Amino acid sequence: MSKRKIILLAIGIILSLLLVYEFVLYQFLDRDPSYYQIDRCIDSGKCWDGVDKVCRGDEPNAQDLCDRAKVNGKTLEQRIEDKIEKINPDN
């Protein structure tokens, strides 16, 4: 093989690996069109607010804002209130 073919093959392999990486990232982040923003946000140590579709980290209550997504039809606050009610039903 000539040196040029080897270089083209290496470039093709690298491009293929990048495409596979991007596809897996897109699948892992629930096929969200803004998956690249989500990945950059999380990699920077911040959190992604799925409700407002924005990266949070500078606000004092950023983590609370990021945890607003519903799980089993309830927000984080509602789930916490349910647990408190189970522990102390008199309140």
Protein backbone atom coordinates (compact mmCIF):
# COMPACT_ATOMS: atom_id res chain seq x y z
CA MET A 1 0.00 0.00 0.00
CA SER A 2 1.17 3.45 -0.77
CA LYS A 3 1.63 6.06 1.92
CA ARG A 4 -1.28 8.10 0.55
CA LYS A 5 -3.70 5.16 0.81
CA ILE A 6 -2.64 4.49 4.40
CA ILE A 7 -3.24 8.13 5.33
CA LEU A 8 -6.66 8.14 3.64
CA LEU A 9 -7.56 4.88 5.40
CA ALA A 10 -6.51 6.31 8.78
CA ILE A 11 -8.55 9.47 8.19
CA GLY A 12 -11.55 7.35 7.17
CA ILE A 13 -11.26 5.23 10.32
CA ILE A 14 -11.00 8.30 12.54
CA LEU A 15 -14.03 9.92 10.89
CA SER A 16 -16.00 6.69 11.24
CA LEU A 17 -15.15 6.47 14.96
CA LEU A 18 -16.24 10.08 15.47
CA LEU A 19 -19.56 9.42 13.73
CA VAL A 20 -20.17 6.32 15.86
CA TYR A 21 -19.31 8.31 19.01
CA GLU A 22 -21.76 11.07 18.08
CA PHE A 23 -24.48 8.55 17.26
CA VAL A 24 -24.04 6.73 20.60
CA LEU A 25 -24.06 10.05 22.45
CA TYR A 26 -27.26 11.05 20.67
CA GLN A 27 -28.89 7.72 21.60
CA PHE A 28 -27.69 7.90 25.23
CA LEU A 29 -29.13 11.39 25.69
CA ASP A 30 -32.65 10.29 24.73
CA ARG A 31 -32.40 11.42 21.12
CA ASP A 32 -32.58 15.03 22.19
CA PRO A 33 -31.62 17.40 19.34
CA SER A 34 -29.59 19.48 21.80
CA TYR A 35 -27.54 16.47 22.94
CA TYR A 36 -24.27 18.24 22.19
CA GLN A 37 -25.22 21.14 24.47
CA ILE A 38 -26.24 18.67 27.19
CA ASP A 39 -22.92 16.85 26.92
CA ARG A 40 -20.90 20.09 27.04
CA CYS A 41 -22.94 21.26 30.05
CA ILE A 42 -22.41 18.06 32.03
CA ASP A 43 -18.72 17.88 31.07
CA SER A 44 -18.23 21.40 32.45
CA GLY A 45 -19.51 20.28 35.87
CA LYS A 46 -22.88 21.96 35.58
CA CYS A 47 -26.33 20.38 35.33
CA TRP A 48 -28.86 20.31 32.50
CA ASP A 49 -32.35 21.62 33.21
CA GLY A 50 -34.54 19.38 31.10
CA VAL A 51 -37.65 21.46 31.73
CA ASP A 52 -36.27 24.80 30.48
CA LYS A 53 -33.65 23.16 28.20
CA VAL A 54 -30.80 25.23 29.60
CA CYS A 55 -27.46 24.58 31.31
CA ARG A 56 -27.47 25.61 34.95
CA GLY A 57 -24.54 26.09 37.26
CA ASP A 58 -24.17 29.76 38.08
CA GLU A 59 -27.42 30.08 40.06
CA PRO A 60 -27.29 29.31 43.80
CA ASN A 61 -30.18 26.83 43.42
CA ALA A 62 -29.02 25.32 40.12
CA GLN A 63 -29.29 21.69 41.21
CA ASP A 64 -32.85 22.22 42.45
CA LEU A 65 -33.79 23.72 39.10
CA CYS A 66 -32.22 20.78 37.26
CA ASP A 67 -34.17 18.24 39.33
CA ARG A 68 -37.61 19.55 38.33
CA ALA A 69 -38.21 16.85 35.75
CA LYS A 70 -41.08 14.54 36.54
CA VAL A 71 -40.48 10.93 37.57
CA ASN A 72 -43.58 8.77 37.68
CA GLY A 73 -45.63 11.93 37.16
CA LYS A 74 -44.18 13.80 40.16
CA THR A 75 -41.54 16.49 40.49
CA LEU A 76 -38.68 16.20 42.95
CA GLU A 77 -40.47 18.46 45.42
CA GLN A 78 -43.60 16.31 45.28
CA ARG A 79 -41.58 13.12 45.80
CA ILE A 80 -39.83 14.67 48.84
CA GLU A 81 -43.16 15.78 50.30
CA ASP A 82 -44.54 12.26 49.84
CA LYS A 83 -41.57 10.78 51.69
CA ILE A 84 -41.91 13.28 54.52
CA GLU A 85 -45.62 12.47 54.75
CA LYS A 86 -44.83 8.75 55.00
CA ILE A 87 -42.27 9.35 57.75
CA ASN A 88 -44.33 11.85 59.71
CA PRO A 89 -48.03 11.62 58.79
CA ASP A 90 -49.11 14.01 61.59
CA ASN A 91 -47.83 17.12 59.77
